[in-house]
Structure formats: structure tokens, C-alpha cells
Amino acid sequence: MSAATQIVAPVAAPAIPILDALPWVVFVGLLCLLGVYFVGAEQGATSIVKGMYVHEFVHDSRHLLGFPCH
């Protein structure tokens, strides 16, 4: 039996312009900072939302990430 060999030409990856990606990188970074705020600091004097609703909603993730809460 003969094995057929197939020659595949290399494909160049397209370049991603940094200036086109920059707004998305900033947006995702701000969302991450907002998430860390709600998980780590949304209680007490810096609370944006009154009550303990946000704290209880993210309670398990606080423990998973190592934030002390009680």
C-alpha cells in the first residue's frame, strides 16, 4: 500500500492591532476591578448597596479567594 503525503502550506496568523484591542482590554479590566470590589470590600463603611445582600451573594467566593469576612 502506498501512503499519500499531503503538503500543507504554512498559514500566517493575522496581526491584531493593539489600538483596536485597547478599549476592550480597559473595559474588561474595569469589570474585573468592579468584581474584586464587590467580592472583597462591599460591606461596612465603603458599601455602595445598603444591607448585606451583596455580601451574602458573594460570601462563598470571598472564602474561596481568601478574603476574611467573619
Protein backbone atom coordinates (compact mmCIF):
# COMPACT_ATOMS: atom_id res chain seq x y z
CA MET A 1 0.00 0.00 0.00
CA SER A 2 1.21 3.46 -0.69
CA ALA A 3 0.67 6.35 1.69
CA ALA A 4 -0.33 9.65 0.19
CA THR A 5 1.53 12.62 1.51
CA GLN A 6 -0.12 15.97 1.64
CA ILE A 7 1.87 19.17 1.68
CA VAL A 8 0.24 21.94 3.67
CA ALA A 9 1.41 25.49 3.21
CA PRO A 10 2.00 27.38 6.48
CA VAL A 11 -0.71 29.86 7.37
CA ALA A 12 0.34 33.19 8.84
CA ALA A 13 -1.63 34.35 11.87
CA PRO A 14 -3.29 37.72 11.36
CA ALA A 15 -1.87 40.61 13.34
CA ILE A 16 -4.13 42.15 15.98
CA PRO A 17 -3.72 45.92 16.15
CA ILE A 18 -3.11 46.98 19.77
CA LEU A 19 -5.08 50.20 19.39
CA ASP A 20 -8.17 48.25 18.28
CA ALA A 21 -7.96 45.93 21.31
CA LEU A 22 -7.14 48.62 23.87
CA PRO A 23 -10.74 49.74 24.62
CA TRP A 24 -11.77 46.12 25.22
CA VAL A 25 -8.79 45.49 27.47
CA VAL A 26 -9.62 48.59 29.53
CA PHE A 27 -13.31 47.60 29.71
CA VAL A 28 -12.56 44.05 30.86
CA GLY A 29 -10.00 45.37 33.36
CA LEU A 30 -12.59 47.72 34.88
CA LEU A 31 -15.12 44.89 35.10
CA CYS A 32 -12.54 42.75 36.91
CA LEU A 33 -11.80 45.56 39.37
CA LEU A 34 -15.51 46.02 39.99
CA GLY A 35 -15.84 42.27 40.62
CA VAL A 36 -12.94 42.30 43.09
CA TYR A 37 -14.53 45.28 44.85
CA PHE A 38 -17.87 43.51 45.25
CA VAL A 39 -16.23 40.30 46.44
CA GLY A 40 -13.64 41.90 48.70
CA ALA A 41 -14.84 45.23 50.03
CA GLU A 42 -18.61 45.58 49.61
CA GLN A 43 -19.51 45.88 53.26
CA GLY A 44 -19.18 48.34 56.09
CA ALA A 45 -18.19 51.96 55.52
CA THR A 46 -17.37 51.54 51.82
CA SER A 47 -20.68 49.88 50.97
CA ILE A 48 -22.47 51.08 47.86
CA VAL A 49 -25.54 48.87 48.31
CA LYS A 50 -27.34 49.10 51.65
CA GLY A 51 -27.81 45.93 53.64
CA MET A 52 -25.94 42.65 53.45
CA TYR A 53 -27.40 41.44 50.14
CA VAL A 54 -24.21 41.71 48.09
CA HIS A 55 -22.10 40.31 50.92
CA GLU A 56 -24.32 37.24 51.24
CA PHE A 57 -24.47 36.80 47.46
CA VAL A 58 -20.66 36.66 47.12
CA HIS A 59 -19.99 35.07 50.53
CA ASP A 60 -18.63 31.75 49.25
CA SER A 61 -16.39 33.42 46.68
CA ARG A 62 -14.93 35.57 49.48
CA HIS A 63 -13.80 32.43 51.26
CA LEU A 64 -12.58 30.82 48.03
CA LEU A 65 -10.41 33.87 47.22
CA GLY A 66 -9.10 34.20 50.78
CA PHE A 67 -10.88 37.40 51.85
CA PRO A 68 -11.71 37.40 55.56
CA CYS A 69 -15.30 38.21 56.39
CA HIS A 70 -16.02 36.75 59.83
